[in-house]
């Protein structure tokens, strides 16, 4: 009996250690991706040394992260954008106003943006809209955007669809740089380069390759960051829909 108990304890200890090591490896990977995005000017942590990746972002935080990924923070802060929501903190008015007027968000009602934590579906919906897709026009379902997101490579098997952390938002944003804008051969990274957010050489160096390593063919889509493995379609039944306090269908659309 004693040997059996010791064997069980040893197995439990090994399992715990494996889980800890896996979590540490995942966090290290997320930190590396956050660092890459930061070097491109697309991400900021809570300080110069802390990305705070191991917690759930609020809806407002997730929206700000998205706008930075799109290279639109300056435009948001310097514009005169407004929104109809009464639950947005003053510091985030410019961001939410920009997102509302450009169609990235519609809020949870005519007067509420939503003050809870962001879900995977919310952030992925925002990102798909940024890539030119429209849930209002039937490109995807706002309460389950994962099939289209997988087709575009922005949702991978590293994303926690149930407990969506800042690390998961970083992973989606990182993968989205390789995603192609709807109806074109142009990637999000190409769009950002065209807008002067960063240079192609900077992107390649950030991804760990030299400018000479990649010479894109004319009109070809050239992934810079190595894509993560994606799930095989069709969508798994475990994909969660959005909870009540999330982006709903376009109000007035």
Protein backbone atom coordinates (compact mmCIF):
# COMPACT_ATOMS: atom_id res chain seq x y z
CA UNK A 1 0.00 0.00 0.00
CA UNK A 2 2.80 2.39 0.93
CA UNK A 3 4.54 1.77 -2.40
CA UNK A 4 1.27 2.39 -4.24
CA UNK A 5 0.74 5.70 -2.44
CA UNK A 6 4.30 6.78 -3.19
CA UNK A 7 3.87 5.84 -6.83
CA UNK A 8 0.65 7.86 -7.08
CA UNK A 9 2.31 10.85 -5.38
CA UNK A 10 5.23 10.60 -7.80
CA UNK A 11 2.86 10.57 -10.77
CA UNK A 12 0.96 13.58 -9.43
CA UNK A 13 4.20 15.46 -8.82
CA UNK A 14 5.39 14.72 -12.35
CA UNK A 15 2.08 15.88 -13.79
CA UNK A 16 2.21 19.13 -11.82
CA UNK A 17 5.80 19.76 -12.89
CA UNK A 18 4.90 19.10 -16.53
CA UNK A 19 1.97 21.52 -16.31
CA UNK A 20 4.17 24.19 -14.71
CA UNK A 21 6.87 23.74 -17.36
CA UNK A 22 4.29 23.90 -20.16
CA UNK A 23 2.75 27.05 -18.72
CA UNK A 24 6.18 28.62 -18.36
CA UNK A 25 7.03 27.77 -21.96
CA UNK A 26 3.73 29.22 -23.17
CA UNK A 27 4.30 32.41 -21.20
CA UNK A 28 7.85 32.69 -22.55
CA UNK A 29 6.50 32.35 -26.08
CA UNK A 30 3.87 35.01 -25.39
CA UNK A 31 6.53 37.31 -23.92
CA UNK A 32 8.64 36.89 -27.07
CA UNK A 33 5.68 37.73 -29.30
CA UNK A 34 4.76 40.71 -27.15
CA UNK A 35 8.35 41.91 -27.39
CA UNK A 36 8.26 41.57 -31.19
CA UNK A 37 5.02 43.56 -31.40
CA UNK A 38 6.39 46.21 -29.05
CA UNK A 39 9.51 46.64 -31.17
CA UNK A 40 7.23 47.33 -34.14
CA UNK A 41 5.27 49.90 -32.16
CA UNK A 42 2.15 47.72 -32.02
CA UNK A 43 2.00 46.83 -28.32
CA UNK A 44 2.67 48.30 -24.90
CA UNK A 45 2.77 46.62 -21.53
CA UNK A 46 1.65 48.08 -18.23
CA UNK A 47 5.23 49.34 -17.87
CA UNK A 48 8.49 49.24 -19.80
CA UNK A 49 9.36 45.89 -18.24
CA UNK A 50 5.99 44.23 -17.59
CA UNK A 51 3.58 43.05 -20.29
CA UNK A 52 1.16 41.64 -17.67
CA UNK A 53 0.19 38.81 -20.00
CA UNK A 54 -1.19 36.34 -17.48
CA UNK A 55 -4.49 38.06 -16.77
CA UNK A 56 -7.75 38.73 -18.58
CA UNK A 57 -7.98 42.11 -20.33
CA UNK A 58 -11.03 44.30 -19.94
CA UNK A 59 -13.04 45.10 -23.05
CA UNK A 60 -11.52 48.58 -23.14
CA UNK A 61 -7.98 47.22 -22.75
CA UNK A 62 -8.57 44.70 -25.55
CA UNK A 63 -9.85 47.44 -27.83
CA UNK A 64 -6.79 49.59 -27.13
CA UNK A 65 -4.54 46.59 -27.84
CA UNK A 66 -6.33 46.10 -31.16
CA UNK A 67 -6.00 49.75 -32.19
CA UNK A 68 -2.27 49.64 -31.42
CA UNK A 69 -1.90 46.45 -33.45
CA UNK A 70 -3.51 48.26 -36.37
CA UNK A 71 -1.05 51.14 -36.03
CA UNK A 72 -3.93 53.55 -35.43
CA UNK A 73 -3.22 54.81 -31.91
CA UNK A 74 -2.00 58.23 -33.08
CA UNK A 75 -5.02 58.59 -35.36
CA UNK A 76 -7.34 57.72 -32.48
CA UNK A 77 -5.70 60.13 -30.05
CA UNK A 78 -5.39 63.02 -32.50
CA UNK A 79 -8.84 62.71 -34.04
CA UNK A 80 -12.15 64.12 -32.85
CA UNK A 81 -13.99 60.82 -32.65
CA UNK A 82 -17.06 60.39 -30.50
CA UNK A 83 -19.25 57.54 -29.31
CA UNK A 84 -22.69 57.20 -27.67
CA UNK A 85 -21.59 55.04 -24.72
CA UNK A 86 -21.96 56.17 -21.12
CA UNK A 87 -19.77 53.51 -19.48
CA UNK A 88 -16.38 54.34 -21.03
CA UNK A 89 -13.63 55.76 -18.77
CA UNK A 90 -12.46 59.22 -19.78
CA UNK A 91 -8.95 58.02 -20.69
CA UNK A 92 -10.40 55.61 -23.27
CA UNK A 93 -12.89 57.99 -24.93
CA UNK A 94 -10.64 58.66 -27.93
CA UNK A 95 -9.96 54.95 -28.51
CA UNK A 96 -13.59 53.89 -28.24
CA UNK A 97 -14.70 56.87 -30.34
CA UNK A 98 -12.27 55.89 -33.08
CA UNK A 99 -13.36 52.24 -32.97
CA UNK A 100 -17.03 53.18 -33.02
CA UNK A 101 -16.78 55.59 -35.94
CA UNK A 102 -14.62 53.23 -38.00
CA UNK A 103 -16.92 50.27 -37.43
CA UNK A 104 -14.65 48.14 -35.25
CA UNK A 105 -17.11 48.10 -32.36
CA UNK A 106 -20.81 48.67 -31.86
CA UNK A 107 -21.05 48.14 -28.12
CA UNK A 108 -23.42 45.87 -26.25
CA UNK A 109 -26.31 48.31 -26.56
CA UNK A 110 -27.06 51.76 -27.94
CA UNK A 111 -25.57 53.38 -24.82
CA UNK A 112 -23.15 50.80 -23.39
CA UNK A 113 -19.76 49.70 -24.64
CA UNK A 114 -19.48 47.03 -21.93
CA UNK A 115 -17.26 47.13 -18.88
CA UNK A 116 -16.52 43.45 -18.31
CA UNK A 117 -13.57 41.37 -19.44
CA UNK A 118 -12.94 40.68 -23.11
CA UNK A 119 -13.71 37.28 -24.55
CA UNK A 120 -11.86 35.48 -27.31
CA UNK A 121 -14.86 35.96 -29.59
CA UNK A 122 -14.92 39.69 -28.97
CA UNK A 123 -11.26 40.21 -29.80
CA UNK A 124 -11.36 37.91 -32.82
CA UNK A 125 -14.49 39.70 -34.07
CA UNK A 126 -12.69 43.04 -33.77
CA UNK A 127 -9.69 41.67 -35.65
CA UNK A 128 -11.78 40.19 -38.46
CA UNK A 129 -13.54 43.53 -38.90
CA UNK A 130 -10.14 45.20 -39.08
CA UNK A 131 -9.21 42.78 -41.89
CA UNK A 132 -12.23 43.94 -43.86
CA UNK A 133 -14.75 41.22 -42.98
CA UNK A 134 -18.27 42.10 -41.92
CA UNK A 135 -20.46 40.16 -39.54
CA UNK A 136 -23.33 42.47 -40.56
CA UNK A 137 -22.94 41.33 -44.16
CA UNK A 138 -22.72 37.66 -43.26
CA UNK A 139 -18.97 37.01 -43.59
CA UNK A 140 -19.00 35.44 -40.13
CA UNK A 141 -21.15 35.20 -37.02
CA UNK A 142 -20.31 37.74 -34.33
CA UNK A 143 -21.04 35.17 -31.62
CA UNK A 144 -18.80 32.51 -33.17
CA UNK A 145 -16.13 33.99 -35.46
CA UNK A 146 -13.64 31.15 -35.09
CA UNK A 147 -14.15 29.29 -38.37
CA UNK A 148 -13.20 32.33 -40.47
CA UNK A 149 -10.46 33.23 -38.01
CA UNK A 150 -8.92 29.79 -38.42
CA UNK A 151 -9.11 30.02 -42.19
CA UNK A 152 -7.16 33.27 -41.92
CA UNK A 153 -4.69 31.80 -39.44
CA UNK A 154 -5.37 34.27 -36.63
CA UNK A 155 -6.80 31.65 -34.27
CA UNK A 156 -4.38 28.83 -33.52
CA UNK A 157 -4.22 25.97 -31.07
CA UNK A 158 -2.39 28.11 -28.55
CA UNK A 159 -5.37 30.43 -28.03
CA UNK A 160 -7.46 29.78 -24.92
CA UNK A 161 -11.00 30.38 -26.15
CA UNK A 162 -12.49 29.98 -22.67
CA UNK A 163 -10.23 32.06 -20.41
CA UNK A 164 -8.90 34.70 -22.78
CA UNK A 165 -5.77 36.36 -21.43
CA UNK A 166 -3.66 39.29 -22.59
CA UNK A 167 -1.22 36.61 -23.78
CA UNK A 168 -3.95 35.24 -26.06
CA UNK A 169 -4.66 38.71 -27.45
CA UNK A 170 -0.95 39.04 -28.21
CA UNK A 171 -0.98 35.69 -30.03
CA UNK A 172 -3.98 36.73 -32.16
CA UNK A 173 -2.37 40.09 -32.98
CA UNK A 174 0.95 38.44 -33.82
CA UNK A 175 -0.69 35.94 -36.17
CA UNK A 176 -2.82 38.66 -37.75
CA UNK A 177 0.25 40.32 -39.26
CA UNK A 178 0.36 37.41 -41.73
CA UNK A 179 -3.38 37.50 -42.39
CA UNK A 180 -4.55 38.69 -45.80
CA UNK A 181 -7.00 41.58 -46.03
CA UNK A 182 -10.38 40.54 -47.44
CA UNK A 183 -10.46 40.49 -51.22
CA UNK A 184 -6.77 41.14 -51.74
CA UNK A 185 -3.30 39.59 -51.64
CA UNK A 186 -2.13 42.19 -49.16
CA UNK A 187 -1.35 41.17 -45.59
CA UNK A 188 -2.00 43.33 -42.54
CA UNK A 189 1.78 43.71 -42.22
CA UNK A 190 1.90 45.04 -45.80
CA UNK A 191 -0.79 47.59 -44.94
CA UNK A 192 1.14 48.75 -41.89
CA UNK A 193 4.34 49.03 -43.92
CA UNK A 194 2.47 51.07 -46.53
CA UNK A 195 1.22 53.41 -43.81
CA UNK A 196 4.76 53.90 -42.49
CA UNK A 197 4.13 52.24 -39.13
CA UNK A 198 7.34 50.23 -39.61
CA UNK A 199 9.58 49.19 -42.48
CA UNK A 200 9.80 45.79 -44.14
CA UNK A 201 13.42 45.49 -43.00
CA UNK A 202 12.33 46.21 -39.42
CA UNK A 203 9.65 43.54 -39.68
CA UNK A 204 12.09 40.96 -41.01
CA UNK A 205 14.69 41.75 -38.37
CA UNK A 206 12.05 41.54 -35.65
CA UNK A 207 11.05 38.13 -36.95
CA UNK A 208 14.66 36.95 -36.77
CA UNK A 209 15.59 37.03 -40.44
CA UNK A 210 17.82 39.37 -42.39
CA UNK A 211 16.47 41.60 -45.17
CA UNK A 212 18.33 39.45 -47.73
CA UNK A 213 16.58 36.28 -46.61
CA UNK A 214 13.19 37.22 -47.99
CA UNK A 215 12.67 38.78 -51.40
CA UNK A 216 8.92 38.70 -52.09
CA UNK A 217 7.74 37.84 -55.58
CA UNK A 218 5.55 40.39 -57.32
CA UNK A 219 1.96 40.33 -56.00
CA UNK A 220 2.82 37.37 -53.74
CA UNK A 221 1.87 37.16 -50.10
CA UNK A 222 5.05 36.62 -48.10
CA UNK A 223 4.49 35.59 -44.47
CA UNK A 224 7.17 37.14 -42.30
CA UNK A 225 6.36 35.67 -38.92
CA UNK A 226 6.22 31.90 -38.82
CA UNK A 227 2.53 30.92 -38.67
CA UNK A 228 1.36 28.84 -35.73
CA UNK A 229 -0.43 25.53 -36.43
CA UNK A 230 -4.17 25.97 -36.80
CA UNK A 231 -7.07 23.71 -36.03
CA UNK A 232 -8.60 21.62 -38.82
CA UNK A 233 -12.02 22.78 -39.89
CA UNK A 234 -14.89 22.40 -39.22
CA UNK A 235 -15.21 24.39 -36.03
CA UNK A 236 -14.98 22.34 -32.89
CA UNK A 237 -18.22 22.24 -30.86
CA UNK A 238 -16.29 23.53 -27.84
CA UNK A 239 -15.90 26.97 -29.40
CA UNK A 240 -17.74 29.26 -27.00
CA UNK A 241 -20.20 31.85 -28.19
CA UNK A 242 -20.06 35.35 -26.76
CA UNK A 243 -21.64 35.84 -23.35
CA UNK A 244 -24.35 38.46 -22.89
CA UNK A 245 -21.98 41.35 -22.22
CA UNK A 246 -20.19 41.40 -25.53
CA UNK A 247 -20.41 42.94 -28.97
CA UNK A 248 -23.84 42.39 -30.42
CA UNK A 249 -25.10 42.79 -33.99
CA UNK A 250 -24.72 46.26 -35.43
CA UNK A 251 -27.20 48.62 -33.88
CA UNK A 252 -29.03 50.37 -36.66
CA UNK A 253 -27.43 48.23 -39.40
